Protein backbone atom coordinates (compact mmCIF):
# COMPACT_ATOMS: atom_id res chain seq x y z
CA MET A 1 -169.82 -151.69 57.28
CA LYS A 2 -166.87 -154.05 57.51
CA CYS A 3 -166.60 -156.67 54.74
CA ASN A 4 -166.58 -160.15 56.25
CA TYR A 5 -164.37 -161.40 53.38
CA CYS A 6 -161.46 -158.91 53.22
CA GLY A 7 -162.08 -156.71 56.28
CA CYS A 8 -162.39 -153.47 54.30
CA VAL A 9 -164.66 -150.92 55.97
CA ASP A 10 -165.86 -149.33 52.73
CA SER A 11 -168.95 -150.77 51.05
CA LYS A 12 -171.91 -149.52 49.11
CA VAL A 13 -175.57 -150.44 49.50
CA ILE A 14 -176.94 -152.15 46.40
CA ASP A 15 -180.45 -152.94 47.64
CA SER A 16 -182.55 -152.28 50.79
CA ARG A 17 -185.73 -154.09 51.75
CA MET A 18 -187.84 -154.35 54.86
CA THR A 19 -188.05 -157.85 56.32
CA GLU A 20 -191.39 -159.66 56.30
CA ASP A 21 -192.11 -158.96 59.96
CA GLY A 22 -191.24 -155.27 59.51
CA THR A 23 -188.79 -155.20 62.41
CA SER A 24 -185.59 -154.75 60.42
CA ILE A 25 -184.15 -153.70 57.08
CA ARG A 26 -182.16 -156.11 54.95
CA ARG A 27 -179.34 -154.42 53.06
CA ARG A 28 -177.40 -156.02 50.22
CA ARG A 29 -173.91 -154.51 50.11
CA GLU A 30 -170.87 -154.68 47.86
CA CYS A 31 -167.33 -154.28 49.18
CA LEU A 32 -165.51 -151.48 47.35
CA GLN A 33 -162.18 -153.31 47.65
CA CYS A 34 -162.81 -157.01 46.85
CA LYS A 35 -166.17 -156.46 45.05
CA ARG A 36 -167.81 -159.36 46.94
CA ARG A 37 -171.38 -159.01 48.14
CA PHE A 38 -172.79 -159.58 51.59
CA THR A 39 -176.01 -158.96 53.51
CA THR A 40 -176.54 -156.92 56.67
CA TYR A 41 -179.61 -156.31 58.80
CA GLU A 42 -180.45 -153.03 60.48
CA MET A 43 -182.89 -152.87 63.38
CA VAL A 44 -183.91 -150.51 66.12
CA GLU A 45 -181.95 -151.03 69.30
CA GLN A 46 -184.34 -151.94 72.08
CA SER A 47 -183.79 -150.86 75.65
CA SER A 48 -183.43 -153.76 78.05
CA ILE A 49 -186.60 -155.14 79.57
CA TYR A 50 -186.22 -157.11 82.77
CA VAL A 51 -188.43 -159.96 83.89
CA VAL A 52 -189.30 -159.91 87.58
CA LYS A 53 -189.49 -163.47 88.83
CA LYS A 54 -191.72 -164.79 91.63
CA ASN A 55 -188.77 -164.84 94.05
CA GLY A 56 -188.03 -161.17 93.30
CA GLY A 57 -185.02 -161.89 91.09
CA ARG A 58 -184.60 -160.10 87.78
CA GLN A 59 -183.21 -161.19 84.45
CA GLU A 60 -183.25 -159.75 80.97
CA TYR A 61 -186.26 -160.63 78.82
CA ASP A 62 -185.43 -163.47 76.43
CA ALA A 63 -187.94 -164.30 73.69
CA ASN A 64 -186.16 -167.63 73.18
CA LYS A 65 -187.19 -168.73 76.69
CA VAL A 66 -190.79 -167.81 75.94
CA ARG A 67 -190.58 -169.72 72.67
CA ALA A 68 -189.09 -172.78 74.41
CA GLY A 69 -192.00 -172.90 76.86
CA ILE A 70 -194.54 -172.63 74.06
CA VAL A 71 -192.77 -175.28 71.97
CA LYS A 72 -192.76 -177.63 74.98
CA ALA A 73 -196.50 -177.12 75.48
CA CYS A 74 -197.14 -177.76 71.77
CA GLU A 75 -194.92 -180.85 71.62
CA LYS A 76 -196.49 -183.64 69.52
CA ARG A 77 -199.44 -181.40 68.65
CA PRO A 78 -200.44 -180.29 65.13
CA VAL A 79 -199.38 -176.69 65.72
CA PRO A 80 -197.49 -175.08 62.81
CA ILE A 81 -194.23 -173.34 63.68
CA TYR A 82 -195.44 -170.08 62.10
CA LYS A 83 -198.21 -169.90 64.73
CA ILE A 84 -195.68 -170.36 67.52
CA ASP A 85 -193.43 -167.70 65.99
CA ARG A 86 -196.36 -165.31 65.59
CA LEU A 87 -197.36 -165.83 69.24
CA VAL A 88 -193.79 -165.20 70.44
CA ASN A 89 -193.63 -162.03 68.32
CA ASP A 90 -196.99 -160.84 69.70
CA ILE A 91 -195.87 -161.46 73.28
CA THR A 92 -192.55 -159.70 72.67
CA LYS A 93 -194.34 -156.70 71.15
CA ALA A 94 -196.70 -156.54 74.14
CA VAL A 95 -193.75 -156.65 76.55
CA LEU A 96 -191.79 -153.99 74.63
CA ASN A 97 -194.84 -151.75 74.22
CA SER A 98 -195.82 -151.96 77.89
CA GLY A 99 -193.96 -148.72 78.56
CA SER A 100 -192.08 -150.22 81.48
CA ASN A 101 -188.55 -151.51 81.97
CA GLU A 102 -189.90 -154.47 83.92
CA VAL A 103 -192.52 -157.14 83.35
CA SER A 104 -193.57 -159.87 85.74
CA THR A 105 -193.39 -163.56 84.94
CA ALA A 106 -197.11 -163.62 85.77
CA ARG A 107 -197.84 -161.15 82.95
CA ILE A 108 -195.78 -163.15 80.46
CA GLY A 109 -197.48 -166.37 81.58
CA ASP A 110 -200.91 -164.78 81.14
CA LEU A 111 -199.97 -163.63 77.62
CA VAL A 112 -198.77 -167.13 76.72
CA MET A 113 -201.94 -168.75 78.07
CA GLU A 114 -204.14 -166.24 76.26
CA GLY A 115 -202.33 -166.96 73.00
CA LEU A 116 -202.30 -170.75 73.40
CA LYS A 117 -206.01 -170.76 74.15
CA GLY A 118 -206.65 -169.66 70.58
CA ILE A 119 -204.16 -172.09 69.05
CA ASP A 120 -204.57 -175.49 70.71
CA ASP A 121 -206.60 -176.59 73.74
CA VAL A 122 -204.22 -179.39 74.72
CA ALA A 123 -201.17 -177.10 74.56
CA TYR A 124 -203.13 -174.56 76.61
CA VAL A 125 -203.93 -177.11 79.35
CA ARG A 126 -200.33 -178.37 79.35
CA TYR A 127 -198.99 -174.84 79.81
CA CYS A 128 -201.60 -174.04 82.48
CA SER A 129 -200.77 -177.18 84.44
CA VAL A 130 -197.13 -176.12 84.77
CA TYR A 131 -197.62 -172.35 84.99
CA GLN A 132 -200.48 -172.48 87.50
CA GLU A 133 -198.84 -175.38 89.35
CA PHE A 134 -201.79 -177.76 89.39
CA LYS A 135 -201.51 -179.70 92.65
CA ASP A 136 -204.02 -182.46 91.98
CA ILE A 137 -206.26 -184.07 89.36
CA GLU A 138 -209.29 -182.04 90.49
CA THR A 139 -207.60 -178.79 89.48
CA PHE A 140 -206.67 -180.35 86.15
CA MET A 141 -210.24 -181.58 85.56
CA ALA A 142 -211.69 -178.20 86.51
CA LYS A 143 -209.58 -176.53 83.81
CA ILE A 144 -210.63 -179.13 81.24
CA SER A 145 -214.29 -178.70 82.21
CA GLU A 146 -213.91 -174.93 81.79
CA ILE A 147 -212.55 -175.41 78.26
CA LEU A 148 -215.27 -177.91 77.35
CA SER A 149 -218.04 -175.61 78.56
CA LYS A 150 -216.60 -172.68 76.58
CA ASN A 151 -216.33 -174.85 73.46
CA LYS A 152 -219.99 -175.88 73.78
CA THR A 153 -221.15 -172.26 74.01
CA VAL A 154 -219.06 -171.30 70.98
CA LYS A 155 -220.52 -174.04 68.75
């Protein structure tokens, strides 16, 4: 591993630990030339997953785009960041474990809605209104009524 201080390619591993989410290994290294220490992360290389859009176009899966949509839906809501991060990680795992090189935007949208439903009702309705392209107030009210009726049966 190349030292980012002196450029030497010889270093030794001092300590290795798995990261909290278990997706990578954190390695503490020491350069054999300048003796300075630095940290590297090792993770499994994932094959590319492509998202198939409604218009038939394809682009590489980007968890940051999923996160941005969830953050927008949760804007000004009391939703902790760790819940958003956990949801993004769960969605990414589901996409990667699907066994396919492609996933539809509809599948990703369904996973986001499913996750938001358990986190915050308002964020869920916000996301649904954009994702399902609510055309009028009746559609919006029908979704709210659905949530209210489910909440009454749960209590």
